[in-house]
């Protein structure tokens, strides 16, 4: 089947706000359209209408869910298949599972693109409710070996289709400081300000780094419920002049931020395949990350990144200092990362994805 013959119902979140899954949904729609496919975008995070409903918790969910379900039902009459960007928690129950059941009723295949580092905890608690829907999915694709193992433990076969990084948007830093130690190194953190990303550990690690590099700077790009607490921690540690909270940064401005960085840190407590790490690798920025979830499947310690235990600011600061004090090592790690990230380009991912589409459509016609 030619790509131009495909009509896909793509279900997922869209920016704003920008985030890993929203960016992947938007990017996938654009790339498939460029290949000639017809795409019906079905947004799970559409703006509330009327706007004042957004202020009423509980009720507002219905004002989003009901139009979403109607959209799904109508779209099933025209699309050939659904591709669902699925996640854990209530997102699964409210937005992913209904697609599978509506697709079943309308006799259309549903491809579940499951992602998210919290899958293990979610399945431990809720797999009894998740399993019946999963059994009706035409195929389950995951972006990493990490998630493949989680599904395999529960008897479900999956197909690995990695996340996509658009290397046209990124390029290696031109300023490599001639492999000299930077006197005022710039460290960046590009995760939302949520508890699972443990930005506090990165701030405490940066505090240790400042003992050796008094002019070091930390930029935190993101927003979220932990903002007040993190600002308080920065004041408590006397880092107000050294730490910048940018809030949300759009997809273009984030590139400039990566290019200005000496080290990117990722302190998350749970994770799968962070797009932020892929973006840093694509920009030639050496990465220090926790070794949780799918991250050790994504980067290799001391080869394409430095990995440390979660909630360990001392270990994280030592890893950062290793890179800052040894720019040749930092450069080797960054170069290895640039090679690694090539496997996540659209050219390398599209054949895997299109093969899945062909398989599920062939089964549905038999």
Protein backbone atom coordinates (compact mmCIF):
# COMPACT_ATOMS: atom_id res chain seq x y z
CA UNK A 1 0.00 0.00 0.00
CA UNK A 2 1.29 3.46 -0.87
CA UNK A 3 1.55 6.08 1.85
CA UNK A 4 -0.60 8.37 -0.27
CA UNK A 5 -3.44 5.84 0.05
CA UNK A 6 -3.50 6.02 3.85
CA UNK A 7 -6.14 7.93 5.82
CA UNK A 8 -5.13 7.86 9.48
CA UNK A 9 -6.96 9.10 12.55
CA UNK A 10 -4.09 10.37 14.72
CA UNK A 11 -5.17 10.72 18.35
CA UNK A 12 -3.06 12.62 20.87
CA UNK A 13 -2.26 15.94 22.55
CA UNK A 14 -1.02 18.97 20.64
CA UNK A 15 0.93 22.05 21.74
CA UNK A 16 0.40 24.27 23.57
CA UNK A 17 1.77 23.41 25.96
CA UNK A 18 4.83 21.92 24.30
CA UNK A 19 5.81 18.58 25.73
CA UNK A 20 7.23 15.25 24.64
CA UNK A 21 4.01 13.55 23.54
CA UNK A 22 2.40 16.73 22.17
CA UNK A 23 5.48 17.50 20.09
CA UNK A 24 5.65 13.89 18.84
CA UNK A 25 1.98 13.98 17.81
CA UNK A 26 2.37 17.25 15.93
CA UNK A 27 5.61 16.13 14.28
CA UNK A 28 4.23 12.74 13.22
CA UNK A 29 1.20 14.37 11.61
CA UNK A 30 3.43 16.73 9.66
CA UNK A 31 5.82 13.99 8.49
CA UNK A 32 3.06 11.62 7.40
CA UNK A 33 1.37 14.41 5.46
CA UNK A 34 4.66 15.18 3.76
CA UNK A 35 4.71 11.54 2.62
CA UNK A 36 1.24 12.00 1.12
CA UNK A 37 -0.97 10.43 3.79
CA UNK A 38 -4.26 11.99 4.84
CA UNK A 39 -4.32 12.72 8.56
CA UNK A 40 -7.35 13.41 10.71
CA UNK A 41 -6.00 14.94 13.93
CA UNK A 42 -8.13 14.18 16.97
CA UNK A 43 -6.85 16.29 19.83
CA UNK A 44 -7.22 15.04 23.41
CA UNK A 45 -6.32 18.41 24.98
CA UNK A 46 -8.55 20.73 22.99
CA UNK A 47 -9.20 24.13 24.61
CA UNK A 48 -12.22 24.24 26.87
CA UNK A 49 -15.33 25.85 25.43
CA UNK A 50 -16.66 28.07 26.82
CA UNK A 51 -13.37 29.27 28.36
CA UNK A 52 -14.80 29.86 31.85
CA UNK A 53 -15.37 26.10 32.20
CA UNK A 54 -11.61 25.74 32.67
CA UNK A 55 -12.00 27.20 36.17
CA UNK A 56 -14.38 24.47 37.35
CA UNK A 57 -12.54 21.26 38.17
CA UNK A 58 -14.43 18.01 37.64
CA UNK A 59 -17.12 19.43 35.40
CA UNK A 60 -14.59 20.76 32.89
CA UNK A 61 -13.46 17.21 32.08
CA UNK A 62 -16.92 16.45 30.67
CA UNK A 63 -16.80 19.54 28.46
CA UNK A 64 -13.63 18.15 26.89
CA UNK A 65 -14.51 14.45 26.93
CA UNK A 66 -17.94 14.57 25.31
CA UNK A 67 -16.85 16.52 22.17
CA UNK A 68 -13.81 14.25 21.98
CA UNK A 69 -15.93 11.07 21.95
CA UNK A 70 -18.28 12.54 19.33
CA UNK A 71 -15.26 13.43 17.18
CA UNK A 72 -13.92 9.89 17.51
CA UNK A 73 -17.24 8.32 16.57
CA UNK A 74 -17.64 10.46 13.47
CA UNK A 75 -14.00 10.09 12.42
CA UNK A 76 -14.26 6.29 12.55
CA UNK A 77 -16.61 6.44 9.54
CA UNK A 78 -13.89 7.90 7.29
CA UNK A 79 -10.41 6.94 8.52
CA UNK A 80 -8.81 3.58 7.71
CA UNK A 81 -7.15 3.17 11.09
CA UNK A 82 -6.49 4.97 14.35
CA UNK A 83 -3.02 5.69 15.67
CA UNK A 84 -3.34 6.52 19.37
CA UNK A 85 -0.62 8.29 21.37
CA UNK A 86 -1.32 6.60 24.73
CA UNK A 87 -0.07 7.22 28.23
CA UNK A 88 -0.61 5.97 31.78
CA UNK A 89 -3.16 6.95 34.40
CA UNK A 90 -6.45 8.69 33.68
CA UNK A 91 -5.16 9.63 30.25
CA UNK A 92 -5.43 5.94 29.30
CA UNK A 93 -8.94 5.47 30.67
CA UNK A 94 -10.39 8.71 29.30
CA UNK A 95 -8.70 9.02 25.92
CA UNK A 96 -6.94 5.84 24.76
CA UNK A 97 -9.36 3.09 25.78
CA UNK A 98 -12.41 4.77 24.14
CA UNK A 99 -10.60 4.81 20.79
CA UNK A 100 -10.08 1.05 20.96
CA UNK A 101 -13.72 0.33 21.74
CA UNK A 102 -15.11 2.76 19.17
CA UNK A 103 -12.70 1.33 16.57
CA UNK A 104 -13.93 -2.16 17.47
CA UNK A 105 -17.57 -1.16 17.01
CA UNK A 106 -16.80 0.56 13.71
CA UNK A 107 -14.55 -2.31 12.58
CA UNK A 108 -11.45 -0.17 12.20
CA UNK A 109 -7.98 -1.17 13.52
CA UNK A 110 -6.49 0.81 16.39
CA UNK A 111 -2.71 1.02 16.77
CA UNK A 112 -1.76 1.89 20.35
CA UNK A 113 1.46 3.89 20.57
CA UNK A 114 2.15 3.48 24.29
CA UNK A 115 4.70 5.73 25.97
CA UNK A 116 5.57 7.06 29.39
CA UNK A 117 7.94 6.04 32.16
CA UNK A 118 5.15 5.32 34.67
CA UNK A 119 3.84 2.25 32.83
CA UNK A 120 5.09 -0.28 35.40
CA UNK A 121 3.44 1.48 38.36
CA UNK A 122 0.25 2.06 36.37
CA UNK A 123 -0.01 -1.57 35.27
CA UNK A 124 0.66 -2.85 38.80
CA UNK A 125 -2.32 -0.89 39.99
CA UNK A 126 -4.72 -0.95 37.04
CA UNK A 127 -3.86 -3.74 34.59
CA UNK A 128 -7.12 -5.57 35.38
CA UNK A 129 -8.92 -2.61 33.79
CA UNK A 130 -6.36 -1.99 31.03
CA UNK A 131 -6.08 -5.56 29.73
CA UNK A 132 -9.53 -5.90 28.09
CA UNK A 133 -8.89 -2.84 25.94
CA UNK A 134 -5.35 -3.85 25.07
CA UNK A 135 -6.59 -7.23 23.88
CA UNK A 136 -8.75 -5.48 21.29
CA UNK A 137 -5.94 -3.31 19.91
CA UNK A 138 -4.78 -4.24 16.40
CA UNK A 139 -1.16 -3.61 17.42
CA UNK A 140 0.79 -2.10 20.31
CA UNK A 141 3.89 -0.12 19.46
CA UNK A 142 6.34 1.25 22.02
CA UNK A 143 9.36 3.51 21.57
CA UNK A 144 11.86 1.53 23.65
CA UNK A 145 13.12 -1.86 24.84
CA UNK A 146 12.22 -0.70 28.34
CA UNK A 147 8.49 -0.58 27.59
CA UNK A 148 8.70 -3.72 25.47
CA UNK A 149 9.86 -5.65 28.55
CA UNK A 150 7.07 -4.23 30.71
CA UNK A 151 4.43 -5.40 28.23
CA UNK A 152 6.16 -8.76 27.71
CA UNK A 153 5.94 -9.51 31.45
CA UNK A 154 2.17 -9.26 31.09
CA UNK A 155 1.95 -11.43 27.99
CA UNK A 156 1.63 -8.72 25.34
CA UNK A 157 3.84 -8.59 22.29
CA UNK A 158 4.83 -5.12 21.12
CA UNK A 159 6.64 -3.61 18.14
CA UNK A 160 9.39 -1.07 18.77
CA UNK A 161 8.95 2.14 16.78
CA UNK A 162 11.28 4.76 18.29
CA UNK A 163 10.49 8.38 18.97
CA UNK A 164 11.40 10.72 16.13
CA UNK A 165 13.94 13.50 16.34
CA UNK A 166 13.97 16.01 13.49
CA UNK A 167 17.67 16.64 13.00
CA UNK A 168 16.89 19.39 10.50
CA UNK A 169 15.83 21.52 13.48
CA UNK A 170 19.01 20.86 15.41
CA UNK A 171 22.68 21.12 14.63
CA UNK A 172 25.81 20.56 16.61
CA UNK A 173 27.08 23.56 18.56
CA UNK A 174 29.54 25.67 16.61
CA UNK A 175 31.21 27.03 19.78
CA UNK A 176 33.16 24.19 21.35
CA UNK A 177 35.41 26.56 23.33
CA UNK A 178 38.43 24.94 21.70
CA UNK A 179 38.22 22.07 24.18
CA UNK A 180 39.18 24.37 27.07
CA UNK A 181 37.55 24.40 30.49
CA UNK A 182 34.78 26.99 30.52
CA UNK A 183 35.21 29.52 33.33
CA UNK A 184 31.49 30.29 33.38
CA UNK A 185 29.84 27.01 32.32
CA UNK A 186 26.20 26.99 31.37
CA UNK A 187 24.14 24.04 32.62
CA UNK A 188 20.59 23.55 31.40
CA UNK A 189 17.55 21.54 32.51
CA UNK A 190 14.65 21.24 30.08
CA UNK A 191 11.93 19.34 31.94
CA UNK A 192 8.63 20.57 33.33
CA UNK A 193 8.51 21.60 36.97
CA UNK A 194 6.79 18.48 38.23
CA UNK A 195 7.65 16.17 41.11
CA UNK A 196 8.51 13.20 38.87
CA UNK A 197 11.27 15.22 37.20
CA UNK A 198 12.91 16.09 40.55
CA UNK A 199 14.33 19.44 39.50
CA UNK A 200 15.28 20.03 43.14
CA UNK A 201 18.06 17.44 42.92
CA UNK A 202 19.52 19.24 39.90
CA UNK A 203 19.46 22.54 41.80
CA UNK A 204 21.24 20.97 44.76
CA UNK A 205 23.80 19.43 42.42
CA UNK A 206 24.35 22.82 40.82
CA UNK A 207 24.96 24.27 44.29
CA UNK A 208 27.86 21.83 44.64
CA UNK A 209 29.18 22.72 41.19
CA UNK A 210 29.26 26.40 42.17
CA UNK A 211 31.88 25.57 44.80
CA UNK A 212 34.28 24.85 41.93
CA UNK A 213 32.90 27.15 39.23
CA UNK A 214 31.71 30.29 40.98
CA UNK A 215 30.46 31.84 37.72
CA UNK A 216 28.48 28.78 36.59
CA UNK A 217 24.88 29.35 35.47
CA UNK A 218 21.84 27.09 35.52
CA UNK A 219 18.86 27.63 33.23
CA UNK A 220 15.65 25.72 33.94
CA UNK A 221 13.22 25.69 31.02
CA UNK A 222 9.74 24.53 31.92
CA UNK A 223 6.72 25.27 34.04
CA UNK A 224 4.57 23.38 36.47
CA UNK A 225 3.24 23.01 40.01
CA UNK A 226 6.70 22.82 41.64
CA UNK A 227 7.69 26.32 40.53
CA UNK A 228 7.16 28.06 43.89
CA UNK A 229 8.95 25.35 45.86
CA UNK A 230 11.90 25.36 43.45
CA UNK A 231 12.19 29.13 43.59
CA UNK A 232 12.21 28.90 47.38
CA UNK A 233 15.01 26.33 47.23
CA UNK A 234 17.06 28.58 44.95
CA UNK A 235 16.70 31.44 47.44
CA UNK A 236 17.55 29.16 50.37
CA UNK A 237 20.78 28.07 48.68
CA UNK A 238 21.74 31.61 47.70
CA UNK A 239 21.57 30.90 43.98
CA UNK A 240 19.18 33.61 42.86
CA UNK A 241 21.79 35.36 40.70
CA UNK A 242 22.92 32.08 39.11
CA UNK A 243 19.66 30.27 38.35
CA UNK A 244 17.19 31.38 35.67
CA UNK A 245 13.65 30.05 35.35
CA UNK A 246 12.55 30.71 31.79
CA UNK A 247 9.06 29.21 32.02
CA UNK A 248 7.87 27.37 28.96
CA UNK A 249 10.15 27.79 25.95
CA UNK A 250 8.78 27.31 22.44
CA UNK A 251 10.21 24.75 20.07
CA UNK A 252 12.40 27.27 18.25
CA UNK A 253 13.81 29.06 21.30
CA UNK A 254 14.76 25.75 22.90
CA UNK A 255 17.30 25.17 20.13
CA UNK A 256 19.20 28.33 21.07
CA UNK A 257 19.17 27.20 24.68
CA UNK A 258 20.75 23.84 23.82
CA UNK A 259 23.38 25.50 21.67
CA UNK A 260 24.43 27.75 24.55
CA UNK A 261 24.86 24.85 26.99
CA UNK A 262 27.97 23.09 28.24
CA UNK A 263 26.02 20.31 29.99
CA UNK A 264 22.38 19.22 30.00
CA UNK A 265 21.06 17.51 33.15
CA UNK A 266 18.04 15.24 33.48
CA UNK A 267 17.18 14.40 37.12
CA UNK A 268 13.90 12.54 36.53
CA UNK A 269 12.62 9.83 38.88
CA UNK A 270 10.64 7.96 36.20
CA UNK A 271 11.12 8.17 32.46
CA UNK A 272 10.92 6.29 29.21
CA UNK A 273 12.64 7.95 26.25
CA UNK A 274 12.92 11.67 27.02
CA UNK A 275 12.82 13.82 23.92
CA UNK A 276 14.89 16.38 25.83
CA UNK A 277 17.82 13.94 25.95
CA UNK A 278 17.51 13.24 22.23
CA UNK A 279 17.46 16.99 21.53
CA UNK A 280 20.58 17.54 23.63
CA UNK A 281 22.38 14.72 21.83
CA UNK A 282 21.37 16.19 18.47
CA UNK A 283 22.85 19.54 19.49
CA UNK A 284 26.13 17.98 20.60
CA UNK A 285 25.52 18.72 24.29
CA UNK A 286 26.91 16.15 26.76
CA UNK A 287 24.22 14.76 29.06
CA UNK A 288 24.15 13.88 32.75
CA UNK A 289 21.01 11.92 33.63
CA UNK A 290 19.55 9.66 36.25
CA UNK A 291 19.60 5.98 35.32
CA UNK A 292 15.87 5.37 35.75
CA UNK A 293 13.31 3.62 33.53
CA UNK A 294 14.18 3.55 29.86
CA UNK A 295 17.10 5.97 30.01
CA UNK A 296 19.82 3.26 30.25
CA UNK A 297 18.28 1.79 27.08
CA UNK A 298 18.58 5.17 25.37
CA UNK A 299 22.12 6.16 26.38
CA UNK A 300 25.08 4.16 27.68
CA UNK A 301 26.96 5.28 30.78
CA UNK A 302 30.38 6.77 30.09
CA UNK A 303 29.84 6.36 26.35
CA UNK A 304 26.95 8.54 25.23
CA UNK A 305 26.11 10.12 28.61
CA UNK A 306 26.99 9.99 32.29
CA UNK A 307 24.33 8.22 34.36
CA UNK A 308 23.81 8.62 38.11
CA UNK A 309 21.34 7.27 40.70
CA UNK A 310 18.13 9.26 41.25
CA UNK A 311 17.84 11.76 44.11
CA UNK A 312 21.62 11.91 44.54
CA UNK A 313 22.81 15.50 44.10
CA UNK A 314 26.39 14.62 45.08
CA UNK A 315 26.67 11.97 42.35
CA UNK A 316 25.06 14.33 39.86
CA UNK A 317 27.41 17.19 40.74
CA UNK A 318 30.44 14.91 40.39
CA UNK A 319 29.28 13.81 36.94
CA UNK A 320 28.77 17.43 35.88
CA UNK A 321 32.21 18.37 37.19
CA UNK A 322 33.76 15.42 35.34
CA UNK A 323 32.50 16.86 32.07
CA UNK A 324 33.40 20.45 32.93
CA UNK A 325 36.93 19.57 34.07
CA UNK A 326 37.65 17.21 31.17
CA UNK A 327 36.43 18.86 27.95
CA UNK A 328 38.07 16.18 25.81
CA UNK A 329 35.99 13.49 27.55
CA UNK A 330 32.92 15.70 27.26
CA UNK A 331 33.58 16.09 23.54
CA UNK A 332 33.95 12.33 23.00
CA UNK A 333 30.68 11.66 24.81
CA UNK A 334 28.93 14.36 22.78
CA UNK A 335 30.27 12.95 19.51
CA UNK A 336 29.10 9.45 20.44
CA UNK A 337 25.70 10.92 21.25
CA UNK A 338 25.49 12.51 17.82
CA UNK A 339 26.03 9.11 16.23
CA UNK A 340 23.46 7.45 18.51
CA UNK A 341 20.72 9.96 17.75
CA UNK A 342 20.83 9.19 14.01
CA UNK A 343 18.72 6.07 14.56
CA UNK A 344 15.79 8.27 15.63
CA UNK A 345 15.48 10.20 12.36
CA UNK A 346 12.28 9.94 10.36
CA UNK A 347 14.15 8.17 7.55
CA UNK A 348 15.00 5.32 9.93
CA UNK A 349 11.66 5.23 11.75
CA UNK A 350 9.14 5.57 8.94
CA UNK A 351 9.59 2.10 7.43
CA UNK A 352 8.93 0.48 10.82
CA UNK A 353 5.77 2.51 11.31
CA UNK A 354 4.45 2.01 7.80
CA UNK A 355 5.04 -1.74 8.16
CA UNK A 356 2.78 -1.74 11.22
CA UNK A 357 0.07 0.12 9.30
CA UNK A 358 0.29 -2.37 6.43
CA UNK A 359 0.05 -5.36 8.80
CA UNK A 360 -3.03 -4.16 10.69
CA UNK A 361 -4.83 -3.08 7.52
CA UNK A 362 -4.10 -6.43 5.86
CA UNK A 363 -5.61 -8.24 8.85
CA UNK A 364 -8.67 -6.02 8.89
CA UNK A 365 -9.40 -6.79 5.25
CA UNK A 366 -9.16 -10.56 5.80
